[in-house]
Amino acid sequence: MTSTVTNPAWRFLRTLLLAAVFACAALPSRAEEPGWPVYGGAPGGGHFTPLTQITAGNVGRLQKAWEYRTGDFSPGSPGHRATTFEATPILAHGALYLCTPYNRVIALQAETGKPLWAHEPDPKLDRAYDQQHSLICRGVSYWESAQPNPAMPCQSRIYQGVLDGRLEALDARTGQLCADFAGSGTIDLMAASDPSTSPRRRWCSRIW
């Protein structure tokens, strides 16, 4: 025996639900827009993007969407070097990653500028760095697993070289050190250096 819904209210509700289902099915799936996950946009550094929304005709009408200040600044004083901001942010999966002159790594929501996380490595600033330069961090590097496991940490990573000679691996989602990298998430690249020359060395460039 087959029952038939005759109540007008139920017929209207059923029609409304079906319309909603078909409307959702008809919406095109929005593919993730290409990011800028490495310096220069791609491993070759070609600075090319396939995006076409900004053109030579409308670039002059762009307006500031948001502004973020790191607060990591020093004009220089006796016993403390000046800072220079030279970082080139990278963009991956909707997040911007950058470093400050004190090697603080910051992740921001690209669309809004909302802070996602920050990592403080506490570099040893009492070292006698090259006197020709101020405190600088020129950028960080991004890596992600070809077959990521969402249940595991550090499936995508941010690498940075710290001024005092350490190399760090951070979870790109949380900013936590990746324990499977060098046993603790960081390695001291100066450990095997000549003590007479290592105080003059520093690391300010991004990892390739």
Protein backbone atom coordinates (compact mmCIF):
# COMPACT_ATOMS: atom_id res chain seq x y z
CA MET A 1 0.00 0.00 0.00
CA THR A 2 1.37 3.37 -0.98
CA SER A 3 0.62 6.50 1.00
CA THR A 4 0.37 9.88 -0.66
CA VAL A 5 1.09 13.23 1.03
CA THR A 6 -1.96 15.36 0.45
CA ASN A 7 -1.39 18.10 3.03
CA PRO A 8 -0.60 21.29 1.05
CA ALA A 9 1.88 22.38 3.71
CA TRP A 10 3.87 19.15 3.36
CA ARG A 11 3.82 19.38 -0.42
CA PHE A 12 5.19 22.93 -0.20
CA LEU A 13 7.91 21.88 2.26
CA ARG A 14 8.94 18.95 0.06
CA THR A 15 9.12 21.21 -3.00
CA LEU A 16 11.18 23.75 -1.06
CA LEU A 17 13.67 21.11 0.13
CA LEU A 18 14.06 19.68 -3.37
CA ALA A 19 14.62 23.16 -4.77
CA ALA A 20 17.32 23.77 -2.18
CA VAL A 21 19.05 20.49 -3.01
CA PHE A 22 19.07 21.21 -6.74
CA ALA A 23 20.25 24.77 -6.15
CA CYS A 24 23.19 23.54 -4.08
CA ALA A 25 24.03 20.91 -6.66
CA ALA A 26 24.04 23.53 -9.39
CA LEU A 27 26.58 25.75 -7.62
CA PRO A 28 30.03 25.41 -9.16
CA SER A 29 32.71 24.13 -6.78
CA ARG A 30 35.24 26.87 -6.16
CA ALA A 31 38.75 25.59 -6.67
CA GLU A 32 41.37 26.94 -4.32
CA GLU A 33 43.14 29.89 -5.85
CA PRO A 34 46.85 29.47 -6.49
CA GLY A 35 49.00 30.83 -3.73
CA TRP A 36 52.52 32.17 -3.57
CA PRO A 37 54.15 29.40 -1.52
CA VAL A 38 57.76 30.24 -2.33
CA TYR A 39 59.76 33.38 -2.94
CA GLY A 40 59.20 34.36 -6.56
CA GLY A 41 55.89 32.48 -6.75
CA ALA A 42 57.36 29.17 -7.94
CA PRO A 43 60.59 27.20 -7.47
CA GLY A 44 62.03 28.89 -10.55
CA GLY A 45 61.39 32.35 -9.12
CA GLY A 46 59.60 33.62 -12.23
CA HIS A 47 57.19 35.94 -10.33
CA PHE A 48 54.31 34.78 -12.55
CA THR A 49 50.70 34.39 -11.46
CA PRO A 50 47.77 33.13 -13.56
CA LEU A 51 45.34 35.38 -11.66
CA THR A 52 43.68 38.02 -13.82
CA GLN A 53 41.50 40.03 -11.41
CA ILE A 54 44.12 42.80 -11.07
CA THR A 55 45.14 44.31 -14.38
CA ALA A 56 47.09 47.31 -15.65
CA GLY A 57 43.74 49.04 -16.09
CA ASN A 58 42.51 48.72 -12.50
CA VAL A 59 45.65 48.49 -10.38
CA GLY A 60 45.54 52.25 -9.78
CA ARG A 61 42.15 51.91 -8.07
CA LEU A 62 43.22 49.35 -5.48
CA GLN A 63 42.55 50.27 -1.87
CA LYS A 64 44.09 49.03 1.35
CA ALA A 65 42.19 46.01 2.65
CA TRP A 66 43.94 45.72 6.01
CA GLU A 67 47.17 46.57 7.81
CA TYR A 68 49.23 44.59 10.29
CA ARG A 69 52.07 45.88 12.45
CA THR A 70 54.49 43.38 13.97
CA GLY A 71 55.81 45.78 16.62
CA ASP A 72 59.30 44.31 16.21
CA PHE A 73 61.35 47.45 15.64
CA SER A 74 64.49 49.01 17.02
CA PRO A 75 66.17 52.20 15.79
CA GLY A 76 69.43 50.93 17.25
CA SER A 77 71.16 51.80 20.50
CA PRO A 78 74.43 50.99 22.27
CA GLY A 79 74.53 47.23 22.65
CA HIS A 80 71.48 46.63 20.46
CA ARG A 81 71.44 46.53 16.68
CA ALA A 82 68.88 48.36 14.58
CA THR A 83 66.21 46.37 12.74
CA THR A 84 65.35 46.33 9.05
CA PHE A 85 62.15 44.75 7.71
CA GLU A 86 63.01 42.92 4.47
CA ALA A 87 60.73 39.88 4.63
CA THR A 88 58.79 38.76 1.57
CA PRO A 89 55.60 37.04 2.82
CA ILE A 90 54.54 33.77 1.24
CA LEU A 91 50.94 32.62 0.71
CA ALA A 92 49.71 29.05 1.07
CA HIS A 93 46.14 27.78 1.55
CA GLY A 94 44.80 31.19 2.51
CA ALA A 95 47.48 32.02 5.07
CA LEU A 96 50.31 34.54 4.86
CA TYR A 97 53.60 33.63 6.55
CA LEU A 98 56.33 36.12 7.37
CA CYS A 99 59.15 36.70 9.82
CA THR A 100 60.24 39.80 11.71
CA PRO A 101 63.80 41.07 12.23
CA TYR A 102 63.78 39.20 15.56
CA ASN A 103 62.83 35.95 13.76
CA ARG A 104 59.31 35.92 15.16
CA VAL A 105 57.29 33.91 12.62
CA ILE A 106 53.73 35.13 12.12
CA ALA A 107 50.81 33.52 10.28
CA LEU A 108 47.93 35.75 9.17
CA GLN A 109 44.62 35.06 7.50
CA ALA A 110 45.28 36.48 4.06
CA GLU A 111 41.78 37.79 3.41
CA THR A 112 41.34 39.66 6.70
CA GLY A 113 44.78 40.04 8.28
CA LYS A 114 43.59 38.19 11.38
CA PRO A 115 46.52 36.66 13.31
CA LEU A 116 46.46 32.86 13.28
CA TRP A 117 49.57 32.14 15.34
CA ALA A 118 53.03 33.47 16.16
CA HIS A 119 56.25 31.67 17.07
CA GLU A 120 58.99 33.29 19.17
CA PRO A 121 62.43 31.63 18.81
CA ASP A 122 64.24 34.07 21.18
CA PRO A 123 67.43 34.49 19.13
CA LYS A 124 70.63 35.25 21.00
CA LEU A 125 70.96 38.98 20.32
CA ASP A 126 74.10 39.41 22.45
CA ARG A 127 76.24 37.84 19.75
CA ALA A 128 78.62 40.05 17.77
CA TYR A 129 76.85 39.87 14.44
CA ASP A 130 78.40 41.37 11.32
CA GLN A 131 78.53 45.09 12.06
CA GLN A 132 77.71 45.97 8.46
CA HIS A 133 74.12 44.83 8.83
CA SER A 134 71.11 45.39 11.03
CA LEU A 135 68.89 42.62 12.36
CA ILE A 136 67.11 41.13 9.32
CA CYS A 137 64.94 38.18 8.37
CA ARG A 138 64.20 38.02 4.66
CA GLY A 139 61.55 35.33 4.72
CA VAL A 140 60.50 31.79 5.53
CA SER A 141 59.96 28.69 3.40
CA TYR A 142 56.93 26.43 3.02
CA TRP A 143 56.74 22.67 2.51
CA GLU A 144 53.81 20.27 2.45
CA SER A 145 53.51 16.50 2.23
CA ALA A 146 52.48 15.03 -1.12
CA GLN A 147 50.13 12.69 0.79
CA PRO A 148 49.11 14.60 3.93
CA ASN A 149 47.45 12.88 6.87
CA PRO A 150 45.08 15.40 8.49
CA ALA A 151 45.29 13.53 11.79
CA MET A 152 49.05 14.03 12.04
CA PRO A 153 50.92 17.26 12.88
CA CYS A 154 53.41 18.98 10.61
CA GLN A 155 51.94 17.77 7.31
CA SER A 156 52.78 21.25 6.08
CA ARG A 157 55.77 23.12 7.53
CA ILE A 158 57.40 26.49 7.78
CA TYR A 159 61.20 26.50 7.84
CA GLN A 160 63.23 29.44 9.02
CA GLY A 161 66.87 30.18 9.69
CA VAL A 162 67.35 32.03 12.99
CA LEU A 163 69.91 34.80 13.39
CA ASP A 164 71.93 32.80 15.90
CA GLY A 165 72.42 29.89 13.50
CA ARG A 166 69.50 27.60 14.27
CA LEU A 167 67.23 26.00 11.68
CA GLU A 168 63.61 25.51 12.79
CA ALA A 169 60.70 23.49 11.40
CA LEU A 170 57.21 24.66 12.42
CA ASP A 171 53.77 23.19 11.88
CA ALA A 172 52.19 25.56 9.34
CA ARG A 173 48.77 25.08 10.94
CA THR A 174 49.72 25.76 14.56
CA GLY A 175 53.20 27.29 14.70
CA GLN A 176 54.42 24.53 17.01
CA LEU A 177 57.88 23.04 16.52
CA CYS A 178 57.89 19.75 14.60
CA ALA A 179 59.32 17.20 17.01
CA ASP A 180 60.31 14.81 14.21
CA PHE A 181 62.77 17.37 12.82
CA ALA A 182 66.19 16.93 14.46
CA GLY A 183 64.48 15.47 17.52
CA SER A 184 63.07 18.74 18.85
CA GLY A 185 62.07 20.86 15.86
CA THR A 186 65.32 22.80 15.76
CA ILE A 187 68.96 22.16 14.98
CA ASP A 188 71.98 24.30 15.84
CA LEU A 189 73.97 24.70 12.65
CA MET A 190 76.74 26.46 14.55
CA ALA A 191 77.46 23.50 16.81
CA ALA A 192 80.25 22.22 14.57
CA SER A 193 81.57 25.68 13.57
CA ASP A 194 84.92 27.16 14.47
CA PRO A 195 84.32 29.16 17.68
CA SER A 196 86.72 31.86 16.50
CA THR A 197 84.62 32.67 13.42
CA SER A 198 81.06 31.54 14.23
CA PRO A 199 80.19 34.67 16.32
CA ARG A 200 80.48 36.73 13.15
CA ARG A 201 78.08 34.51 11.22
CA ARG A 202 74.37 34.95 11.05
CA TRP A 203 71.41 33.70 9.07
CA CYS A 204 69.05 36.20 7.54
CA SER A 205 68.01 34.66 4.20
CA ARG A 206 65.18 32.24 3.47
CA ILE A 207 65.69 28.49 3.01
CA TRP A 208 65.53 27.22 -0.55
